[in-house]
Amino acid sequence: MKKTGYVVLTYGAIVFFGGLMGAFIAHSIPSLVAGTVFGALISLNAYKIFKGNMRGLTLALIQSIILGSFFLYRLKMTGKFFPAAIMITISFAIAIFLLMVHPRETNTEKKTSKE
């Protein structure tokens, strides 16, 4: 669980600092707001994962899919590679990682709760 928590926490930090970079480089207030809100929510889910709450894992998965889909849309609309393609890659990589970890972590939680 700790490894998963650190991965999600790192992803939350990337999203948060990406929002800050968007605000400072492109002078984009929506980027600042979205980056800080999503980064904070993802980091909160990492905290839940560290505490053993499987809901944090599920919510982090949903948020990574939402962010990846949003940036896929942005890439299609703007045609700008940066930051859309980078966030698509990171978000869907995190989603795949969480999909692979989710069943294993759920089974581990069920085994420990039965004992």
Protein backbone atom coordinates (compact mmCIF):
# COMPACT_ATOMS: atom_id res chain seq x y z
CA MET A 1 0.00 0.00 0.00
CA LYS A 2 2.83 2.41 0.76
CA LYS A 3 4.26 2.17 -2.76
CA THR A 4 0.84 2.96 -4.22
CA GLY A 5 0.43 5.87 -1.83
CA TYR A 6 3.79 7.34 -2.85
CA VAL A 7 2.97 6.97 -6.55
CA VAL A 8 -0.37 8.75 -6.09
CA LEU A 9 1.22 11.45 -3.90
CA THR A 10 3.87 12.08 -6.58
CA TYR A 11 1.15 12.33 -9.22
CA GLY A 12 -0.74 14.82 -7.04
CA ALA A 13 2.42 16.92 -6.70
CA ILE A 14 2.97 16.85 -10.48
CA VAL A 15 -0.60 18.02 -11.07
CA PHE A 16 -0.29 20.72 -8.41
CA PHE A 17 3.01 22.10 -9.68
CA GLY A 18 1.79 21.79 -13.28
CA GLY A 19 -1.09 24.09 -12.38
CA LEU A 20 1.36 26.55 -10.82
CA MET A 21 3.56 26.44 -13.91
CA GLY A 22 0.54 27.07 -16.13
CA ALA A 23 -0.36 30.06 -14.02
CA PHE A 24 3.10 31.60 -14.11
CA ILE A 25 4.10 30.75 -17.68
CA ALA A 26 0.78 31.21 -19.51
CA HIS A 27 -0.84 33.55 -16.96
CA SER A 28 -3.74 31.11 -16.74
CA ILE A 29 -5.96 31.41 -13.68
CA PRO A 30 -8.04 28.33 -14.69
CA SER A 31 -4.82 26.31 -14.80
CA LEU A 32 -3.92 27.52 -11.31
CA VAL A 33 -7.34 26.67 -9.90
CA ALA A 34 -7.64 23.29 -11.61
CA GLY A 35 -4.06 22.31 -10.77
CA THR A 36 -4.36 23.19 -7.11
CA VAL A 37 -7.81 21.63 -6.68
CA PHE A 38 -7.00 18.39 -8.51
CA GLY A 39 -3.51 18.22 -7.00
CA ALA A 40 -4.93 18.64 -3.50
CA LEU A 41 -7.69 16.06 -4.08
CA ILE A 42 -5.25 13.52 -5.49
CA SER A 43 -2.89 14.13 -2.56
CA LEU A 44 -5.81 13.65 -0.16
CA ASN A 45 -6.48 10.32 -1.84
CA ALA A 46 -2.83 9.39 -1.33
CA TYR A 47 -3.32 10.09 2.38
CA LYS A 48 -6.38 7.81 2.34
CA ILE A 49 -4.32 5.10 0.63
CA PHE A 50 -1.63 5.40 3.31
CA LYS A 51 -4.35 4.91 5.93
CA GLY A 52 -5.58 1.76 4.13
CA ASN A 53 -8.79 3.25 2.78
CA MET A 54 -9.52 1.67 -0.62
CA ARG A 55 -11.86 4.51 -1.55
CA GLY A 56 -8.77 6.71 -1.97
CA LEU A 57 -7.41 4.28 -4.55
CA THR A 58 -10.68 4.26 -6.48
CA LEU A 59 -11.02 8.05 -6.40
CA ALA A 60 -7.41 8.53 -7.53
CA LEU A 61 -8.12 6.20 -10.45
CA ILE A 62 -11.22 8.16 -11.43
CA GLN A 63 -9.39 11.49 -11.15
CA SER A 64 -6.48 10.29 -13.29
CA ILE A 65 -8.91 9.15 -16.01
CA ILE A 66 -10.75 12.49 -15.85
CA LEU A 67 -7.50 14.48 -16.12
CA GLY A 68 -6.16 12.30 -18.93
CA SER A 69 -9.43 12.65 -20.84
CA PHE A 70 -9.51 16.41 -20.30
CA PHE A 71 -5.99 16.84 -21.64
CA LEU A 72 -6.77 14.55 -24.57
CA TYR A 73 -9.62 16.91 -25.42
CA ARG A 74 -7.32 19.94 -25.00
CA LEU A 75 -4.71 18.41 -27.31
CA LYS A 76 -7.35 17.77 -29.93
CA MET A 77 -8.77 21.31 -29.66
CA THR A 78 -5.52 23.29 -29.46
CA GLY A 79 -3.01 21.03 -31.17
CA LYS A 80 -0.41 22.17 -28.61
CA PHE A 81 1.82 19.33 -27.50
CA PHE A 82 2.87 20.90 -24.20
CA PRO A 83 1.48 20.29 -21.57
CA ALA A 84 -1.36 18.16 -22.95
CA ALA A 85 0.61 15.17 -24.26
CA ILE A 86 2.73 15.00 -21.13
CA MET A 87 -0.30 15.04 -18.83
CA ILE A 88 -2.09 12.48 -21.03
CA THR A 89 0.87 10.15 -20.75
CA ILE A 90 1.29 10.60 -17.00
CA SER A 91 -2.44 10.42 -16.22
CA PHE A 92 -3.11 7.28 -18.22
CA ALA A 93 0.09 5.64 -16.94
CA ILE A 94 -1.14 6.28 -13.39
CA ALA A 95 -4.60 4.96 -14.33
CA ILE A 96 -3.08 1.74 -15.72
CA PHE A 97 -0.90 1.36 -12.62
CA LEU A 98 -3.90 1.86 -10.33
CA LEU A 99 -6.00 -0.59 -12.36
CA MET A 100 -3.28 -3.20 -11.95
CA VAL A 101 -2.89 -2.52 -8.22
CA HIS A 102 -6.58 -2.12 -7.35
CA PRO A 103 -7.64 -5.81 -7.41
CA ARG A 104 -4.52 -6.88 -5.52
CA GLU A 105 -4.96 -4.21 -2.84
CA THR A 106 -8.67 -5.02 -2.50
CA ASN A 107 -7.90 -8.70 -1.97
CA THR A 108 -5.23 -7.83 0.60
CA GLU A 109 -7.70 -5.65 2.49
CA LYS A 110 -10.34 -8.39 2.52
CA LYS A 111 -7.85 -10.96 3.84
CA THR A 112 -6.68 -8.73 6.66
CA SER A 113 -10.22 -7.75 7.68
CA LYS A 114 -11.29 -11.44 7.93
CA GLU A 115 -8.44 -12.31 10.30
